[in-house]
Amino acid sequence: MNLKDFTIFFALLIGLNIAGYLLNIGISLVWNKVYKHRSKITKKEVLSSILTLFINIIIAIPGYILWVKGFITFNNQDPWLTFIILFLFLDILMYVLHWASHNIVVLKKIHLQHHEHTEQFNVVSLYYMSPWESILFGLLLTVVALLFSLNVYGFIAFLIYNWFYGVVTHLNTKLSKPYFLIFTTNYFHKNHHKLFSKNYGFYTILWDRLFKTESTNL
């Protein structure tokens, strides 16, 4: 499959993004029903989440152009190596940027919308954010692809992992389990939404422990 082909690339891009959005809603609905969580959703939140979905698609265009023009290159390294590189690099980078979005005034104003969900997550909480936040995260992934020569399938696998981890950490929970081994949980992230100034880690608790920003109790 030639992923550089315009038709193939955008068919996959649009299809996978819409599928991910709908699957996120489906997983959240089933989870809430099975574990008896109640959550409300507003028209504003639905429209905002759809806008985020649209931006997630559009923001890939600069990266696609840079790839076609040869500025972004992918290689034949082991896809797992690409995955590990991205995991380690983005784990620390997202911690720093997440801290910045809570402590730098301009970024804080952008990030505040996502923190309107403090007591309960709903089916679109993952996608409920400022348009600027969606744009910045999309551009960040483009910059990462520029900086590193990666395996394209490992890169795609990591994007899917990042989406799935986001889904899981925005599920409601009654359990007080902030981490599994070194990995954050939905309780850990719910704690972050409630306390605001703690638990900045995306994938692991390592940086919160190192910089003493971890909280395990609501």
Protein backbone atom coordinates (compact mmCIF):
# COMPACT_ATOMS: atom_id res chain seq x y z
CA MET A 1 0.00 0.00 0.00
CA ASN A 2 1.41 3.37 -1.03
CA LEU A 3 0.53 5.62 1.91
CA LYS A 4 1.87 8.64 0.02
CA ASP A 5 -0.95 8.30 -2.48
CA PHE A 6 -3.32 11.21 -1.80
CA THR A 7 -6.50 9.13 -2.04
CA ILE A 8 -5.22 6.30 0.15
CA PHE A 9 -3.71 8.62 2.76
CA PHE A 10 -6.80 10.77 3.25
CA ALA A 11 -9.22 7.86 3.06
CA LEU A 12 -7.32 6.21 5.91
CA LEU A 13 -6.90 9.49 7.79
CA ILE A 14 -10.59 10.38 7.68
CA GLY A 15 -11.80 6.81 8.20
CA LEU A 16 -9.56 6.08 11.18
CA ASN A 17 -10.31 9.41 12.86
CA ILE A 18 -14.08 8.97 12.54
CA ALA A 19 -13.82 5.33 13.65
CA GLY A 20 -11.73 6.37 16.66
CA TYR A 21 -14.23 9.07 17.63
CA LEU A 22 -17.20 6.71 17.41
CA LEU A 23 -15.32 3.88 19.12
CA ASN A 24 -14.40 6.21 21.99
CA ILE A 25 -18.08 7.02 22.47
CA GLY A 26 -19.01 3.34 22.26
CA ILE A 27 -16.39 2.24 24.79
CA SER A 28 -17.43 5.01 27.19
CA LEU A 29 -21.13 4.14 26.90
CA VAL A 30 -20.53 0.44 27.54
CA TRP A 31 -18.14 1.20 30.41
CA ASN A 32 -20.61 3.55 32.10
CA LYS A 33 -23.43 1.04 31.72
CA VAL A 34 -21.44 -1.92 33.04
CA TYR A 35 -19.99 -0.01 36.01
CA LYS A 36 -23.12 2.08 36.59
CA HIS A 37 -21.61 5.52 36.08
CA ARG A 38 -23.88 8.42 35.25
CA SER A 39 -22.70 11.39 33.25
CA LYS A 40 -24.31 14.29 31.44
CA ILE A 41 -23.47 15.71 28.06
CA THR A 42 -24.38 19.04 26.50
CA LYS A 43 -24.83 20.16 22.92
CA LYS A 44 -21.83 22.47 23.38
CA GLU A 45 -19.64 19.52 24.34
CA VAL A 46 -20.78 17.43 21.38
CA LEU A 47 -20.15 20.27 18.91
CA SER A 48 -16.76 21.02 20.48
CA SER A 49 -15.76 17.35 20.25
CA ILE A 50 -16.76 17.21 16.57
CA LEU A 51 -14.65 20.32 15.95
CA THR A 52 -11.70 18.54 17.60
CA LEU A 53 -12.29 15.55 15.32
CA PHE A 54 -12.27 17.86 12.28
CA ILE A 55 -9.06 19.58 13.42
CA ASN A 56 -7.37 16.21 14.01
CA ILE A 57 -7.95 15.45 10.35
CA ILE A 58 -7.04 18.84 8.90
CA ILE A 59 -3.90 19.28 11.01
CA ALA A 60 -2.36 16.22 9.34
CA ILE A 61 -2.19 18.07 6.01
CA PRO A 62 1.07 20.00 6.77
CA GLY A 63 2.74 16.75 7.81
CA TYR A 64 1.53 14.99 4.67
CA ILE A 65 2.91 17.77 2.46
CA LEU A 66 6.27 17.71 4.27
CA TRP A 67 6.39 13.93 3.82
CA VAL A 68 5.60 14.05 0.11
CA LYS A 69 8.17 16.85 -0.39
CA GLY A 70 10.85 14.81 1.40
CA PHE A 71 11.25 16.93 4.52
CA ILE A 72 9.78 14.16 6.66
CA THR A 73 11.36 10.79 6.01
CA PHE A 74 10.55 7.32 7.29
CA ASN A 75 12.97 4.40 7.35
CA ASN A 76 12.97 0.61 7.66
CA GLN A 77 13.98 0.39 11.31
CA ASP A 78 12.13 -2.05 13.55
CA PRO A 79 8.60 -0.68 14.19
CA TRP A 80 9.00 -1.57 17.87
CA LEU A 81 12.12 0.61 18.08
CA THR A 82 10.14 3.52 16.64
CA PHE A 83 7.38 2.86 19.17
CA ILE A 84 9.82 2.82 22.09
CA ILE A 85 11.59 6.01 20.91
CA LEU A 86 8.27 7.84 20.65
CA PHE A 87 7.05 6.52 23.99
CA LEU A 88 10.17 7.60 25.89
CA PHE A 89 10.50 10.97 24.16
CA LEU A 90 6.83 11.95 24.36
CA ASP A 91 6.43 10.72 27.93
CA ILE A 92 8.83 13.38 29.21
CA LEU A 93 7.91 15.99 26.59
CA MET A 94 4.16 15.71 27.30
CA TYR A 95 4.82 15.94 31.03
CA VAL A 96 6.71 19.23 30.49
CA LEU A 97 4.12 20.62 28.10
CA HIS A 98 1.26 19.54 30.36
CA TRP A 99 2.92 21.27 33.31
CA ALA A 100 3.37 24.36 31.12
CA SER A 101 -0.31 24.32 30.15
CA HIS A 102 -1.17 24.62 33.84
CA ASN A 103 1.42 27.20 34.82
CA ILE A 104 1.95 29.53 31.84
CA VAL A 105 -0.94 31.99 31.58
CA VAL A 106 -1.59 31.81 27.83
CA LEU A 107 -1.43 28.02 27.71
CA LYS A 108 -3.48 27.75 30.88
CA LYS A 109 -6.32 29.72 29.29
CA ILE A 110 -6.26 27.36 26.32
CA HIS A 111 -6.23 24.22 28.49
CA LEU A 112 -8.97 25.27 30.92
CA GLN A 113 -11.81 24.07 28.68
CA HIS A 114 -10.67 20.47 29.00
CA HIS A 115 -10.77 20.83 32.78
CA GLU A 116 -14.46 21.71 32.86
CA HIS A 117 -14.92 17.96 33.40
CA THR A 118 -13.83 17.52 37.01
CA GLU A 119 -16.40 15.40 38.83
CA GLN A 120 -17.31 13.02 36.01
CA PHE A 121 -16.05 12.25 32.54
CA ASN A 122 -18.59 11.84 29.75
CA VAL A 123 -18.41 10.11 26.37
CA VAL A 124 -16.67 13.06 24.66
CA SER A 125 -14.35 14.19 27.48
CA LEU A 126 -11.28 13.04 25.55
CA TYR A 127 -12.25 15.27 22.61
CA TYR A 128 -13.55 18.19 24.63
CA MET A 129 -10.84 20.84 24.43
CA SER A 130 -9.98 24.20 22.95
CA PRO A 131 -9.40 24.17 19.17
CA TRP A 132 -5.99 25.70 19.85
CA GLU A 133 -5.04 22.73 22.01
CA SER A 134 -5.97 20.34 19.19
CA ILE A 135 -3.93 22.36 16.70
CA LEU A 136 -0.87 22.56 18.97
CA PHE A 137 -0.87 18.82 19.66
CA GLY A 138 -1.23 18.03 15.97
CA LEU A 139 1.67 20.33 15.09
CA LEU A 140 3.74 18.77 17.89
CA LEU A 141 3.41 15.36 16.23
CA THR A 142 4.51 16.90 12.92
CA VAL A 143 7.60 18.39 14.59
CA VAL A 144 8.43 15.00 16.15
CA ALA A 145 8.22 13.37 12.71
CA LEU A 146 10.59 16.07 11.40
CA LEU A 147 13.11 15.55 14.19
CA PHE A 148 13.30 11.76 14.04
CA SER A 149 13.58 9.38 11.12
CA LEU A 150 11.10 6.69 12.11
CA ASN A 151 9.31 3.65 10.79
CA VAL A 152 5.96 4.76 9.37
CA TYR A 153 4.09 1.72 10.73
CA GLY A 154 5.65 2.16 14.17
CA PHE A 155 4.59 5.81 14.04
CA ILE A 156 1.01 4.88 13.16
CA ALA A 157 0.99 2.21 15.88
CA PHE A 158 2.06 4.79 18.44
CA LEU A 159 -0.68 7.19 17.33
CA ILE A 160 -3.24 4.42 17.86
CA TYR A 161 -1.73 3.62 21.26
CA ASN A 162 -1.85 7.31 22.22
CA TRP A 163 -5.53 7.47 21.24
CA PHE A 164 -6.38 4.27 23.14
CA TYR A 165 -4.54 5.44 26.26
CA GLY A 166 -6.48 8.69 26.09
CA VAL A 167 -9.74 6.76 25.91
CA VAL A 168 -8.83 4.61 28.92
CA THR A 169 -7.70 7.52 31.10
CA HIS A 170 -10.96 9.38 30.42
CA LEU A 171 -13.19 6.58 31.68
CA ASN A 172 -14.99 7.05 34.99
CA THR A 173 -13.86 4.95 37.93
CA LYS A 174 -14.81 4.19 41.51
CA LEU A 175 -11.50 2.49 42.23
CA SER A 176 -8.67 4.35 43.94
CA LYS A 177 -5.83 2.87 41.91
CA PRO A 178 -3.63 5.68 40.58
CA TYR A 179 -1.20 3.52 38.64
CA PHE A 180 -0.51 0.05 37.28
CA LEU A 181 3.19 -0.73 37.57
CA ILE A 182 4.57 2.61 36.27
CA PHE A 183 1.60 3.43 34.05
CA THR A 184 -1.05 6.02 34.85
CA THR A 185 -4.71 5.06 35.20
CA ASN A 186 -8.07 6.74 34.76
CA TYR A 187 -8.11 7.40 38.52
CA PHE A 188 -4.73 9.12 38.26
CA HIS A 189 -5.99 11.34 35.45
CA LYS A 190 -9.33 12.03 37.12
CA ASN A 191 -7.31 13.13 40.14
CA HIS A 192 -5.45 15.52 37.83
CA HIS A 193 -8.71 16.98 36.49
CA LYS A 194 -9.96 17.57 40.02
CA LEU A 195 -6.78 18.90 41.66
CA PHE A 196 -5.46 20.69 38.55
CA SER A 197 -1.91 21.17 39.84
CA LYS A 198 -0.96 17.49 40.26
CA ASN A 199 -0.49 14.38 38.10
CA TYR A 200 0.73 15.83 34.83
CA GLY A 201 2.04 12.52 33.48
CA PHE A 202 0.48 11.12 30.32
CA TYR A 203 1.76 7.55 30.15
CA THR A 204 3.83 6.99 33.28
CA ILE A 205 4.07 8.32 36.82
CA LEU A 206 7.88 8.61 36.66
CA TRP A 207 8.15 12.35 36.09
CA ASP A 208 5.48 13.24 38.63
CA ARG A 209 7.43 11.28 41.23
CA LEU A 210 10.73 12.80 40.19
CA PHE A 211 9.42 16.37 40.30
CA LYS A 212 7.07 15.73 43.26
CA THR A 213 3.85 16.58 41.44
CA GLU A 214 2.17 13.24 42.14
CA SER A 215 -1.04 12.92 44.16
CA THR A 216 -2.72 9.57 44.79
CA ASN A 217 -5.71 10.70 46.83
CA LEU A 218 -8.71 12.81 45.95
